Amino acid sequence: MVRKATKYLPGILLMLIVGYAGKIVASYVPHSEYVLFAIAIGMIVRNLFPLPKFFAPGIASYELWMKTGVALLGARLALQEVFLIGASGMVLVIIEITVAIVTAAYLGRLFGLKEKLASLLGIGIGVCGVSAIISSTSAIEAEEDDAAYAIATILLFGAIMLFLYPALGTLLGMSDTAFGYWTGLSIDNTAEAVATGFAFSEAAGNIATVVKLSRNALMGLVVLIMALYYARKGITGEVQNKAAFLWSRLPKFLIGFLAFSLLATVGFITPSHAKILNNASKWLFMLTFAGVGLSTDFKRMKAGIKPFLVGFGVEAIVSIVTFTLVYYVIG
């Protein structure tokens, strides 16, 4: 057990060093958040220096720290606040997912992409990035090459948005609330959405996390609908147990987030406990942001030009539509 755990230590220590280096750099740059610096340093280290393989297990664990950090984040958000954000955001989430999937299907036909590849792009962009693509690949019986193209495209735009969105938000004079909604609605992967929100401000990061979780919560339903769609066309097999299918696709860290939020709401978690958990989540997010950078291998992003163009079109339309919705609905 100890030997198994020690294989993660080198990568975790590297993430700590990279994340803390981001904090040091940010301390010398006025009005900046460390998040982007941690990610940027991680990207530089990953792509300029050949990392020994023994770092890989620890770096790959960043998603675990992200999910744990998101769950702990619930301790500082009362349940009524979560539901308020989620309720107002859920309609926007449904619109965003619909726009992404419909746009991907249309552009996919326009550019001659395989239907399932277009579906994977639409689900990945609309719901929650790589996780949604992986879940959908088996559900709609897509080819591994299609999944690889879709994931590469998603990763490429996720890396771009990490740096583009905070600059645009500042340029457009967006409030923390508006930017949090926009980020939570339009950025694909959970880690990148959380990182981008916190790169703008802590308040924006909290809102982006909750809105993004609203998208994640619908992953099982969206994947089920797509599986049933292809089954009815006779392209895939039937879904035997819909309830079990939905449970298998539900992000479990969402349940942890709601559980901590409930405990904070009823007073089981005191303000002093919440402060401790809040500090723990910040350290876990620091590992996450460094891990995002250290996992961004530009060599993996060589998607074909057609998936790239379709992905760019869908990402652009989703960004514009969600920005417009946020502007008129949230203000």
C-alpha atoms as a PDB file:
ATOM      1  CA  MET A   1       0.000   0.000   0.000  1.00  0.00           C
ATOM      2  CA  VAL A   2       2.806   2.408   0.983  1.00  0.00           C
ATOM      3  CA  ARG A   3       4.845   1.466  -2.093  1.00  0.00           C
ATOM      4  CA  LYS A   4       1.786   2.041  -4.299  1.00  0.00           C
ATOM      5  CA  ALA A   5       1.222   5.470  -2.767  1.00  0.00           C
ATOM      6  CA  THR A   6       4.850   6.560  -3.116  1.00  0.00           C
ATOM      7  CA  LYS A   7       4.720   6.335  -6.905  1.00  0.00           C
ATOM      8  CA  TYR A   8       2.424   9.388  -6.847  1.00  0.00           C
ATOM      9  CA  LEU A   9       4.742  11.505  -4.693  1.00  0.00           C
ATOM     10  CA  PRO A  10       7.185  12.794  -7.365  1.00  0.00           C
ATOM     11  CA  GLY A  11       4.387  14.139  -9.559  1.00  0.00           C
ATOM     12  CA  ILE A  12       2.486  15.627  -6.613  1.00  0.00           C
ATOM     13  CA  LEU A  13       5.642  17.344  -5.340  1.00  0.00           C
ATOM     14  CA  LEU A  14       6.268  18.718  -8.838  1.00  0.00           C
ATOM     15  CA  MET A  15       2.704  20.102  -8.941  1.00  0.00           C
ATOM     16  CA  LEU A  16       3.250  21.732  -5.531  1.00  0.00           C
ATOM     17  CA  ILE A  17       6.471  23.356  -6.746  1.00  0.00           C
ATOM     18  CA  VAL A  18       4.892  24.576  -9.998  1.00  0.00           C
ATOM     19  CA  GLY A  19       1.769  25.842  -8.229  1.00  0.00           C
ATOM     20  CA  TYR A  20       3.755  27.681  -5.588  1.00  0.00           C
ATOM     21  CA  ALA A  21       6.036  29.122  -8.274  1.00  0.00           C
ATOM     22  CA  GLY A  22       2.891  30.545  -9.857  1.00  0.00           C
ATOM     23  CA  LYS A  23       2.015  32.215  -6.545  1.00  0.00           C
ATOM     24  CA  ILE A  24       5.507  33.734  -6.293  1.00  0.00           C
ATOM     25  CA  VAL A  25       5.378  35.123  -9.845  1.00  0.00           C
ATOM     26  CA  ALA A  26       1.871  36.514  -9.288  1.00  0.00           C
ATOM     27  CA  SER A  27       3.059  38.355  -6.169  1.00  0.00           C
ATOM     28  CA  TYR A  28       5.260  40.512  -8.423  1.00  0.00           C
ATOM     29  CA  VAL A  29       2.484  41.260 -10.942  1.00  0.00           C
ATOM     30  CA  PRO A  30      -0.096  43.808  -9.694  1.00  0.00           C
ATOM     31  CA  HIS A  31      -3.806  42.892  -9.885  1.00  0.00           C
ATOM     32  CA  SER A  32      -3.151  39.334 -11.031  1.00  0.00           C
ATOM     33  CA  GLU A  33      -4.215  35.881  -9.889  1.00  0.00           C
ATOM     34  CA  TYR A  34      -1.670  33.076  -9.570  1.00  0.00           C
ATOM     35  CA  VAL A  35      -3.844  30.595 -11.482  1.00  0.00           C
ATOM     36  CA  LEU A  36      -2.701  31.505 -14.992  1.00  0.00           C
ATOM     37  CA  PHE A  37       0.946  31.661 -13.922  1.00  0.00           C
ATOM     38  CA  ALA A  38       0.752  28.181 -12.362  1.00  0.00           C
ATOM     39  CA  ILE A  39      -0.802  26.801 -15.546  1.00  0.00           C
ATOM     40  CA  ALA A  40       1.647  28.643 -17.814  1.00  0.00           C
ATOM     41  CA  ILE A  41       4.692  27.442 -15.844  1.00  0.00           C
ATOM     42  CA  GLY A  42       3.306  23.911 -15.949  1.00  0.00           C
ATOM     43  CA  MET A  43       2.883  24.132 -19.728  1.00  0.00           C
ATOM     44  CA  ILE A  44       6.440  25.416 -20.154  1.00  0.00           C
ATOM     45  CA  VAL A  45       7.883  22.636 -18.004  1.00  0.00           C
ATOM     46  CA  ARG A  46       5.837  19.961 -19.802  1.00  0.00           C
ATOM     47  CA  ASN A  47       6.615  21.093 -23.347  1.00  0.00           C
ATOM     48  CA  LEU A  48      10.197  22.340 -23.084  1.00  0.00           C
ATOM     49  CA  PHE A  49      11.703  19.716 -20.813  1.00  0.00           C
ATOM     50  CA  PRO A  50      11.393  15.922 -21.156  1.00  0.00           C
ATOM     51  CA  LEU A  51       9.814  14.817 -17.874  1.00  0.00           C
ATOM     52  CA  PRO A  52      10.885  11.404 -16.536  1.00  0.00           C
ATOM     53  CA  LYS A  53       8.089   8.836 -16.499  1.00  0.00           C
ATOM     54  CA  PHE A  54       8.053   8.587 -12.706  1.00  0.00           C
ATOM     55  CA  PHE A  55       6.324  11.998 -12.590  1.00  0.00           C
ATOM     56  CA  ALA A  56       3.373  10.762 -14.678  1.00  0.00           C
ATOM     57  CA  PRO A  57       1.230   8.992 -11.984  1.00  0.00           C
ATOM     58  CA  GLY A  58       1.289  11.995  -9.640  1.00  0.00           C
ATOM     59  CA  ILE A  59       0.562  14.515 -12.402  1.00  0.00           C
ATOM     60  CA  ALA A  60      -2.327  12.372 -13.635  1.00  0.00           C
ATOM     61  CA  SER A  61      -3.860  12.569 -10.139  1.00  0.00           C
ATOM     62  CA  TYR A  62      -4.713  16.272 -10.593  1.00  0.00           C
ATOM     63  CA  GLU A  63      -8.292  15.386 -11.541  1.00  0.00           C
ATOM     64  CA  LEU A  64      -8.739  13.680  -8.157  1.00  0.00           C
ATOM     65  CA  TRP A  65      -7.552  16.837  -6.378  1.00  0.00           C
ATOM     66  CA  MET A  66      -9.844  18.943  -8.570  1.00  0.00           C
ATOM     67  CA  LYS A  67     -12.877  16.802  -7.713  1.00  0.00           C
ATOM     68  CA  THR A  68     -11.995  16.794  -3.994  1.00  0.00           C
ATOM     69  CA  GLY A  69     -11.451  20.564  -4.045  1.00  0.00           C
ATOM     70  CA  VAL A  70     -14.808  21.115  -5.753  1.00  0.00           C
ATOM     71  CA  ALA A  71     -16.531  18.906  -3.162  1.00  0.00           C
ATOM     72  CA  LEU A  72     -14.918  20.846  -0.272  1.00  0.00           C
ATOM     73  CA  LEU A  73     -15.947  24.100  -1.943  1.00  0.00           C
ATOM     74  CA  GLY A  74     -19.521  23.234  -0.999  1.00  0.00           C
ATOM     75  CA  ALA A  75     -18.681  23.889   2.672  1.00  0.00           C
ATOM     76  CA  ARG A  76     -18.471  27.635   2.028  1.00  0.00           C
ATOM     77  CA  LEU A  77     -21.628  27.922  -0.079  1.00  0.00           C
ATOM     78  CA  ALA A  78     -25.008  27.618   1.649  1.00  0.00           C
ATOM     79  CA  LEU A  79     -27.406  25.270  -0.138  1.00  0.00           C
ATOM     80  CA  GLN A  80     -29.907  28.028  -0.895  1.00  0.00           C
ATOM     81  CA  GLU A  81     -27.127  29.981  -2.602  1.00  0.00           C
ATOM     82  CA  VAL A  82     -26.182  26.932  -4.647  1.00  0.00           C
ATOM     83  CA  PHE A  83     -29.776  26.357  -5.715  1.00  0.00           C
ATOM     84  CA  LEU A  84     -30.231  30.059  -6.508  1.00  0.00           C
ATOM     85  CA  ILE A  85     -27.236  30.010  -8.831  1.00  0.00           C
ATOM     86  CA  GLY A  86     -28.156  26.604 -10.187  1.00  0.00           C
ATOM     87  CA  ALA A  87     -31.819  27.465 -10.739  1.00  0.00           C
ATOM     88  CA  SER A  88     -31.102  30.660 -12.639  1.00  0.00           C
ATOM     89  CA  GLY A  89     -28.315  28.966 -14.532  1.00  0.00           C
ATOM     90  CA  MET A  90     -30.104  25.703 -15.396  1.00  0.00           C
ATOM     91  CA  VAL A  91     -32.220  27.198 -18.183  1.00  0.00           C
ATOM     92  CA  LEU A  92     -29.081  28.810 -19.593  1.00  0.00           C
ATOM     93  CA  VAL A  93     -27.276  25.465 -19.282  1.00  0.00           C
ATOM     94  CA  ILE A  94     -29.993  23.647 -21.261  1.00  0.00           C
ATOM     95  CA  ILE A  95     -29.869  26.308 -23.971  1.00  0.00           C
ATOM     96  CA  GLU A  96     -26.056  26.105 -24.106  1.00  0.00           C
ATOM     97  CA  ILE A  97     -26.016  22.307 -24.421  1.00  0.00           C
ATOM     98  CA  THR A  98     -28.681  22.394 -27.131  1.00  0.00           C
ATOM     99  CA  VAL A  99     -26.828  25.088 -29.089  1.00  0.00           C
ATOM    100  CA  ALA A 100     -23.547  23.140 -28.888  1.00  0.00           C
ATOM    101  CA  ILE A 101     -24.985  19.803 -30.044  1.00  0.00           C
ATOM    102  CA  VAL A 102     -27.172  21.268 -32.821  1.00  0.00           C
ATOM    103  CA  THR A 103     -24.353  23.522 -34.082  1.00  0.00           C
ATOM    104  CA  ALA A 104     -21.861  20.623 -34.068  1.00  0.00           C
ATOM    105  CA  ALA A 105     -24.298  18.436 -36.034  1.00  0.00           C
ATOM    106  CA  TYR A 106     -24.896  21.194 -38.616  1.00  0.00           C
ATOM    107  CA  LEU A 107     -21.230  22.146 -39.031  1.00  0.00           C
ATOM    108  CA  GLY A 108     -20.254  18.475 -39.042  1.00  0.00           C
ATOM    109  CA  ARG A 109     -22.497  17.841 -42.054  1.00  0.00           C
ATOM    110  CA  LEU A 110     -21.238  21.044 -43.685  1.00  0.00           C
ATOM    111  CA  PHE A 111     -17.584  19.967 -43.365  1.00  0.00           C
ATOM    112  CA  GLY A 112     -18.219  16.305 -44.105  1.00  0.00           C
ATOM    113  CA  LEU A 113     -17.348  14.941 -40.655  1.00  0.00           C
ATOM    114  CA  LYS A 114     -18.582  11.544 -39.541  1.00  0.00           C
ATOM    115  CA  GLU A 115     -21.840  11.940 -37.636  1.00  0.00           C
ATOM    116  CA  LYS A 116     -20.523  10.352 -34.444  1.00  0.00           C
ATOM    117  CA  LEU A 117     -17.415  12.545 -34.426  1.00  0.00           C
ATOM    118  CA  ALA A 118     -19.648  15.622 -34.725  1.00  0.00           C
ATOM    119  CA  SER A 119     -21.791  14.270 -31.872  1.00  0.00           C
ATOM    120  CA  LEU A 120     -18.723  13.773 -29.669  1.00  0.00           C
ATOM    121  CA  LEU A 121     -17.609  17.359 -30.356  1.00  0.00           C
ATOM    122  CA  GLY A 122     -21.086  18.693 -29.550  1.00  0.00           C
ATOM    123  CA  ILE A 123     -21.380  16.696 -26.315  1.00  0.00           C
ATOM    124  CA  GLY A 124     -17.823  17.549 -25.247  1.00  0.00           C
ATOM    125  CA  ILE A 125     -18.272  21.265 -25.843  1.00  0.00           C
ATOM    126  CA  GLY A 126     -21.839  21.354 -24.541  1.00  0.00           C
ATOM    127  CA  VAL A 127     -21.500  19.313 -21.352  1.00  0.00           C
ATOM    128  CA  CYS A 128     -18.124  18.710 -19.738  1.00  0.00           C
ATOM    129  CA  GLY A 129     -15.287  18.209 -22.146  1.00  0.00           C
ATOM    130  CA  VAL A 130     -13.135  15.095 -22.070  1.00  0.00           C
ATOM    131  CA  SER A 131     -15.260  13.274 -19.454  1.00  0.00           C
ATOM    132  CA  ALA A 132     -18.376  13.619 -21.604  1.00  0.00           C
ATOM    133  CA  ILE A 133     -16.501  12.454 -24.713  1.00  0.00           C
ATOM    134  CA  ILE A 134     -15.157   9.362 -22.934  1.00  0.00           C
ATOM    135  CA  SER A 135     -18.624   8.538 -21.544  1.00  0.00           C
ATOM    136  CA  SER A 136     -20.259   9.054 -24.928  1.00  0.00           C
ATOM    137  CA  THR A 137     -17.717   7.065 -26.950  1.00  0.00           C
ATOM    138  CA  SER A 138     -18.836   3.738 -25.521  1.00  0.00           C
ATOM    139  CA  ALA A 139     -22.503   4.779 -25.271  1.00  0.00           C
ATOM    140  CA  ILE A 140     -22.847   5.608 -28.984  1.00  0.00           C
ATOM    141  CA  GLU A 141     -20.220   3.028 -30.045  1.00  0.00           C
ATOM    142  CA  ALA A 142     -17.979   5.617 -31.675  1.00  0.00           C
ATOM    143  CA  GLU A 143     -14.515   4.722 -32.945  1.00  0.00           C
ATOM    144  CA  GLU A 144     -11.449   5.420 -30.805  1.00  0.00           C
ATOM    145  CA  ASP A 145     -10.036   7.680 -33.531  1.00  0.00           C
ATOM    146  CA  ASP A 146     -13.173   9.831 -33.351  1.00  0.00           C
ATOM    147  CA  ALA A 147     -12.743  10.169 -29.581  1.00  0.00           C
ATOM    148  CA  ALA A 148      -9.052  11.041 -29.996  1.00  0.00           C
ATOM    149  CA  TYR A 149      -9.855  13.788 -32.529  1.00  0.00           C
ATOM    150  CA  ALA A 150     -12.629  15.193 -30.319  1.00  0.00           C
ATOM    151  CA  ILE A 151     -10.451  15.148 -27.177  1.00  0.00           C
ATOM    152  CA  ALA A 152      -7.507  16.801 -28.965  1.00  0.00           C
ATOM    153  CA  THR A 153      -9.806  19.560 -30.244  1.00  0.00           C
ATOM    154  CA  ILE A 154     -11.336  20.103 -26.795  1.00  0.00           C
ATOM    155  CA  LEU A 155      -7.905  20.257 -25.128  1.00  0.00           C
ATOM    156  CA  LEU A 156      -6.641  22.785 -27.668  1.00  0.00           C
ATOM    157  CA  PHE A 157      -9.519  25.201 -27.140  1.00  0.00           C
ATOM    158  CA  GLY A 158      -9.453  24.650 -23.378  1.00  0.00           C
ATOM    159  CA  ALA A 159      -5.815  25.788 -23.310  1.00  0.00           C
ATOM    160  CA  ILE A 160      -6.636  28.854 -25.427  1.00  0.00           C
ATOM    161  CA  MET A 161      -9.663  29.870 -23.351  1.00  0.00           C
ATOM    162  CA  LEU A 162      -7.710  29.669 -20.099  1.00  0.00           C
ATOM    163  CA  PHE A 163      -5.767  32.745 -21.179  1.00  0.00           C
ATOM    164  CA  LEU A 164      -8.228  34.414 -23.560  1.00  0.00           C
ATOM    165  CA  TYR A 165     -11.307  34.568 -21.314  1.00  0.00           C
ATOM    166  CA  PRO A 166      -9.847  36.525 -18.347  1.00  0.00           C
ATOM    167  CA  ALA A 167      -8.396  39.079 -20.779  1.00  0.00           C
ATOM    168  CA  LEU A 168     -11.745  39.416 -22.558  1.00  0.00           C
ATOM    169  CA  GLY A 169     -13.624  39.651 -19.255  1.00  0.00           C
ATOM    170  CA  THR A 170     -11.376  42.495 -18.099  1.00  0.00           C
ATOM    171  CA  LEU A 171     -11.529  44.227 -21.499  1.00  0.00           C
ATOM    172  CA  LEU A 172     -15.338  44.031 -21.539  1.00  0.00           C
ATOM    173  CA  GLY A 173     -15.595  45.219 -17.923  1.00  0.00           C
ATOM    174  CA  MET A 174     -17.570  42.149 -16.828  1.00  0.00           C
ATOM    175  CA  SER A 175     -18.657  41.786 -13.220  1.00  0.00           C
ATOM    176  CA  ASP A 176     -17.560  38.786 -11.148  1.00  0.00           C
ATOM    177  CA  THR A 177     -21.071  37.327 -11.403  1.00  0.00           C
ATOM    178  CA  ALA A 178     -21.354  37.755 -15.176  1.00  0.00           C
ATOM    179  CA  PHE A 179     -17.882  36.379 -15.823  1.00  0.00           C
ATOM    180  CA  GLY A 180     -18.517  33.404 -13.520  1.00  0.00           C
ATOM    181  CA  TYR A 181     -21.715  32.535 -15.382  1.00  0.00           C
ATOM    182  CA  TRP A 182     -20.090  32.991 -18.787  1.00  0.00           C
ATOM    183  CA  THR A 183     -17.125  30.813 -17.852  1.00  0.00           C
ATOM    184  CA  GLY A 184     -19.249  28.118 -16.221  1.00  0.00           C
ATOM    185  CA  LEU A 185     -21.529  27.989 -19.242  1.00  0.00           C
ATOM    186  CA  SER A 186     -19.023  27.978 -22.071  1.00  0.00           C
ATOM    187  CA  ILE A 187     -15.701  26.395 -21.039  1.00  0.00           C
ATOM    188  CA  ASP A 188     -15.622  22.653 -21.609  1.00  0.00           C
ATOM    189  CA  ASN A 189     -13.513  20.814 -19.004  1.00  0.00           C
ATOM    190  CA  THR A 190     -14.310  21.308 -15.322  1.00  0.00           C
ATOM    191  CA  ALA A 191     -10.674  21.937 -14.337  1.00  0.00           C
ATOM    192  CA  GLU A 192     -10.265  24.628 -17.006  1.00  0.00           C
ATOM    193  CA  ALA A 193     -13.617  26.239 -16.139  1.00  0.00           C
ATOM    194  CA  VAL A 194     -12.724  26.422 -12.432  1.00  0.00           C
ATOM    195  CA  ALA A 195      -9.218  27.688 -13.220  1.00  0.00           C
ATOM    196  CA  THR A 196     -10.500  30.380 -15.593  1.00  0.00           C
ATOM    197  CA  GLY A 197     -13.099  31.580 -13.093  1.00  0.00           C
ATOM    198  CA  PHE A 198     -10.543  31.873 -10.295  1.00  0.00           C
ATOM    199  CA  ALA A 199      -8.087  33.546 -12.686  1.00  0.00           C
ATOM    200  CA  PHE A 200     -10.597  36.416 -12.860  1.00  0.00           C
ATOM    201  CA  SER A 201     -11.519  36.519  -9.150  1.00  0.00           C
ATOM    202  CA  GLU A 202     -12.463  34.267  -6.253  1.00  0.00           C
ATOM    203  CA  ALA A 203     -16.129  35.289  -6.511  1.00  0.00           C
ATOM    204  CA  ALA A 204     -16.151  34.503 -10.245  1.00  0.00           C
ATOM    205  CA  GLY A 205     -14.476  31.170  -9.533  1.00  0.00           C
ATOM    206  CA  ASN A 206     -17.175  30.172  -7.029  1.00  0.00           C
ATOM    207  CA  ILE A 207     -19.972  31.006  -9.474  1.00  0.00           C
ATOM    208  CA  ALA A 208     -18.215  29.356 -12.423  1.00  0.00           C
ATOM    209  CA  THR A 209     -17.842  26.167 -10.356  1.00  0.00           C
ATOM    210  CA  VAL A 210     -21.526  25.966  -9.438  1.00  0.00           C
ATOM    211  CA  VAL A 211     -22.737  26.757 -12.967  1.00  0.00           C
ATOM    212  CA  LYS A 212     -20.299  24.225 -14.430  1.00  0.00           C
ATOM    213  CA  LEU A 213     -21.557  21.610 -11.970  1.00  0.00           C
ATOM    214  CA  SER A 214     -25.062  22.257 -13.311  1.00  0.00           C
ATOM    215  CA  ARG A 215     -23.770  21.256 -16.751  1.00  0.00           C
ATOM    216  CA  ASN A 216     -21.962  18.227 -15.327  1.00  0.00           C
ATOM    217  CA  ALA A 217     -25.150  17.087 -13.581  1.00  0.00           C
ATOM    218  CA  LEU A 218     -26.843  16.713 -16.980  1.00  0.00           C
ATOM    219  CA  MET A 219     -24.080  14.580 -18.489  1.00  0.00           C
ATOM    220  CA  GLY A 220     -25.815  11.277 -17.833  1.00  0.00           C
ATOM    221  CA  LEU A 221     -29.090  12.500 -19.309  1.00  0.00           C
ATOM    222  CA  VAL A 222     -27.436  13.960 -22.424  1.00  0.00           C
ATOM    223  CA  VAL A 223     -25.354  10.832 -23.049  1.00  0.00           C
ATOM    224  CA  LEU A 224     -28.457   8.667 -22.529  1.00  0.00           C
ATOM    225  CA  ILE A 225     -30.440  10.727 -25.059  1.00  0.00           C
ATOM    226  CA  MET A 226     -27.629  10.413 -27.617  1.00  0.00           C
ATOM    227  CA  ALA A 227     -27.362   6.654 -26.990  1.00  0.00           C
ATOM    228  CA  LEU A 228     -31.125   6.261 -27.508  1.00  0.00           C
ATOM    229  CA  TYR A 229     -30.942   8.420 -30.662  1.00  0.00           C
ATOM    230  CA  TYR A 230     -28.314   6.184 -32.257  1.00  0.00           C
ATOM    231  CA  ALA A 231     -30.073   3.009 -31.035  1.00  0.00           C
ATOM    232  CA  ARG A 232     -33.299   4.089 -32.736  1.00  0.00           C
ATOM    233  CA  LYS A 233     -31.353   4.630 -35.944  1.00  0.00           C
ATOM    234  CA  GLY A 234     -30.153   1.037 -35.637  1.00  0.00           C
ATOM    235  CA  ILE A 235     -26.506   2.125 -35.366  1.00  0.00           C
ATOM    236  CA  THR A 236     -25.971   0.974 -31.763  1.00  0.00           C
ATOM    237  CA  GLY A 237     -27.519  -1.483 -29.334  1.00  0.00           C
ATOM    238  CA  GLU A 238     -30.408  -0.648 -27.000  1.00  0.00           C
ATOM    239  CA  VAL A 239     -29.833   0.777 -23.501  1.00  0.00           C
ATOM    240  CA  GLN A 240     -31.122  -1.963 -21.180  1.00  0.00           C
ATOM    241  CA  ASN A 241     -31.325  -0.198 -17.799  1.00  0.00           C
ATOM    242  CA  LYS A 242     -31.775   3.570 -18.105  1.00  0.00           C
ATOM    243  CA  ALA A 243     -31.582   4.270 -14.341  1.00  0.00           C
ATOM    244  CA  ALA A 244     -28.308   2.363 -13.977  1.00  0.00           C
ATOM    245  CA  PHE A 245     -26.982   4.107 -17.088  1.00  0.00           C
ATOM    246  CA  LEU A 246     -27.771   7.550 -15.628  1.00  0.00           C
ATOM    247  CA  TRP A 247     -26.139   6.689 -12.276  1.00  0.00           C
ATOM    248  CA  SER A 248     -22.989   5.398 -13.975  1.00  0.00           C
ATOM    249  CA  ARG A 249     -22.611   8.708 -15.864  1.00  0.00           C
ATOM    250  CA  LEU A 250     -23.379  11.031 -12.917  1.00  0.00           C
ATOM    251  CA  PRO A 251     -20.233  12.881 -11.693  1.00  0.00           C
ATOM    252  CA  LYS A 252     -19.936  11.654  -8.093  1.00  0.00           C
ATOM    253  CA  PHE A 253     -18.015  14.718  -6.871  1.00  0.00           C
ATOM    254  CA  LEU A 254     -21.219  16.693  -7.529  1.00  0.00           C
ATOM    255  CA  ILE A 255     -22.857  14.663  -4.744  1.00  0.00           C
ATOM    256  CA  GLY A 256     -19.921  15.471  -2.450  1.00  0.00           C
ATOM    257  CA  PHE A 257     -20.272  19.179  -3.219  1.00  0.00           C
ATOM    258  CA  LEU A 258     -23.998  19.146  -2.392  1.00  0.00           C
ATOM    259  CA  ALA A 259     -23.387  17.077   0.773  1.00  0.00           C
ATOM    260  CA  PHE A 260     -20.823  19.577   2.142  1.00  0.00           C
ATOM    261  CA  SER A 261     -23.131  22.445   1.204  1.00  0.00           C
ATOM    262  CA  LEU A 262     -26.025  20.788   3.052  1.00  0.00           C
ATOM    263  CA  LEU A 263     -23.874  20.222   6.157  1.00  0.00           C
ATOM    264  CA  ALA A 264     -22.841  23.894   6.089  1.00  0.00           C
ATOM    265  CA  THR A 265     -26.451  25.021   5.641  1.00  0.00           C
ATOM    266  CA  VAL A 266     -27.763  23.091   8.684  1.00  0.00           C
ATOM    267  CA  GLY A 267     -24.838  24.272  10.828  1.00  0.00           C
ATOM    268  CA  PHE A 268     -23.068  20.923  11.169  1.00  0.00           C
ATOM    269  CA  ILE A 269     -20.016  22.545   9.598  1.00  0.00           C
ATOM    270  CA  THR A 270     -19.170  25.603  11.711  1.00  0.00           C
ATOM    271  CA  PRO A 271     -17.544  28.760  10.278  1.00  0.00           C
ATOM    272  CA  SER A 272     -14.185  27.673  11.744  1.00  0.00           C
ATOM    273  CA  HIS A 273     -14.530  24.251  10.123  1.00  0.00           C
ATOM    274  CA  ALA A 274     -15.551  25.902   6.854  1.00  0.00           C
ATOM    275  CA  LYS A 275     -12.420  28.066   6.978  1.00  0.00           C
ATOM    276  CA  ILE A 276     -10.219  24.970   7.372  1.00  0.00           C
ATOM    277  CA  LEU A 277     -11.991  23.199   4.496  1.00  0.00           C
ATOM    278  CA  ASN A 278     -11.774  26.362   2.401  1.00  0.00           C
ATOM    279  CA  ASN A 279      -7.992  26.509   2.908  1.00  0.00           C
ATOM    280  CA  ALA A 280      -7.747  22.806   2.036  1.00  0.00           C
ATOM    281  CA  SER A 281      -9.694  23.359  -1.193  1.00  0.00           C
ATOM    282  CA  LYS A 282      -7.338  26.213  -2.141  1.00  0.00           C
ATOM    283  CA  TRP A 283      -4.299  23.939  -1.779  1.00  0.00           C
ATOM    284  CA  LEU A 284      -6.053  21.229  -3.783  1.00  0.00           C
ATOM    285  CA  PHE A 285      -6.931  23.730  -6.500  1.00  0.00           C
ATOM    286  CA  MET A 286      -3.285  24.834  -6.594  1.00  0.00           C
ATOM    287  CA  LEU A 287      -2.347  21.212  -7.336  1.00  0.00           C
ATOM    288  CA  THR A 288      -5.127  21.111  -9.931  1.00  0.00           C
ATOM    289  CA  PHE A 289      -4.031  24.224 -11.805  1.00  0.00           C
ATOM    290  CA  ALA A 290      -0.400  23.102 -11.865  1.00  0.00           C
ATOM    291  CA  GLY A 291      -1.568  19.661 -13.018  1.00  0.00           C
ATOM    292  CA  VAL A 292      -3.579  21.179 -15.867  1.00  0.00           C
ATOM    293  CA  GLY A 293      -0.431  22.910 -17.130  1.00  0.00           C
ATOM    294  CA  LEU A 294       1.791  19.866 -16.642  1.00  0.00           C
ATOM    295  CA  SER A 295      -0.762  17.682 -18.488  1.00  0.00           C
ATOM    296  CA  THR A 296      -1.026  19.994 -21.493  1.00  0.00           C
ATOM    297  CA  ASP A 297       1.097  18.310 -24.120  1.00  0.00           C
ATOM    298  CA  PHE A 298       0.940  20.374 -27.314  1.00  0.00           C
ATOM    299  CA  LYS A 299       1.991  17.331 -29.345  1.00  0.00           C
ATOM    300  CA  ARG A 300      -1.361  15.702 -28.513  1.00  0.00           C
ATOM    301  CA  MET A 301      -3.290  18.623 -29.976  1.00  0.00           C
ATOM    302  CA  LYS A 302      -2.643  17.889 -33.638  1.00  0.00           C
ATOM    303  CA  ALA A 303      -6.256  17.249 -34.546  1.00  0.00           C
ATOM    304  CA  GLY A 304      -7.202  17.169 -38.202  1.00  0.00           C
ATOM    305  CA  ILE A 305      -8.168  20.461 -39.772  1.00  0.00           C
ATOM    306  CA  LYS A 306     -11.859  19.577 -40.212  1.00  0.00           C
ATOM    307  CA  PRO A 307     -12.529  18.660 -36.544  1.00  0.00           C
ATOM    308  CA  PHE A 308     -10.545  21.766 -35.589  1.00  0.00           C
ATOM    309  CA  LEU A 309     -12.682  24.007 -37.813  1.00  0.00           C
ATOM    310  CA  VAL A 310     -15.929  22.468 -36.585  1.00  0.00           C
ATOM    311  CA  GLY A 311     -14.716  22.733 -32.979  1.00  0.00           C
ATOM    312  CA  PHE A 312     -13.725  26.364 -33.513  1.00  0.00           C
ATOM    313  CA  GLY A 313     -17.144  27.146 -35.008  1.00  0.00           C
ATOM    314  CA  VAL A 314     -19.026  25.479 -32.156  1.00  0.00           C
ATOM    315  CA  GLU A 315     -16.816  27.057 -29.468  1.00  0.00           C
ATOM    316  CA  ALA A 316     -17.210  30.510 -31.041  1.00  0.00           C
ATOM    317  CA  ILE A 317     -20.998  30.259 -31.370  1.00  0.00           C
ATOM    318  CA  VAL A 318     -21.394  28.868 -27.825  1.00  0.00           C
ATOM    319  CA  SER A 319     -19.195  31.674 -26.450  1.00  0.00           C
ATOM    320  CA  ILE A 320     -21.181  34.366 -28.273  1.00  0.00           C
ATOM    321  CA  VAL A 321     -24.595  32.882 -27.412  1.00  0.00           C
ATOM    322  CA  THR A 322     -23.753  32.382 -23.727  1.00  0.00           C
ATOM    323  CA  PHE A 323     -22.208  35.847 -23.453  1.00  0.00           C
ATOM    324  CA  THR A 324     -25.410  37.332 -24.929  1.00  0.00           C
ATOM    325  CA  LEU A 325     -27.597  35.300 -22.571  1.00  0.00           C
ATOM    326  CA  VAL A 326     -25.526  36.303 -19.557  1.00  0.00           C
ATOM    327  CA  TYR A 327     -25.592  39.965 -20.622  1.00  0.00           C
ATOM    328  CA  TYR A 328     -29.403  40.064 -20.886  1.00  0.00           C
ATOM    329  CA  VAL A 329     -30.382  37.572 -18.151  1.00  0.00           C
ATOM    330  CA  ILE A 330     -27.722  38.098 -15.481  1.00  0.00           C
ATOM    331  CA  GLY A 331     -26.696  41.673 -16.332  1.00  0.00           C
END
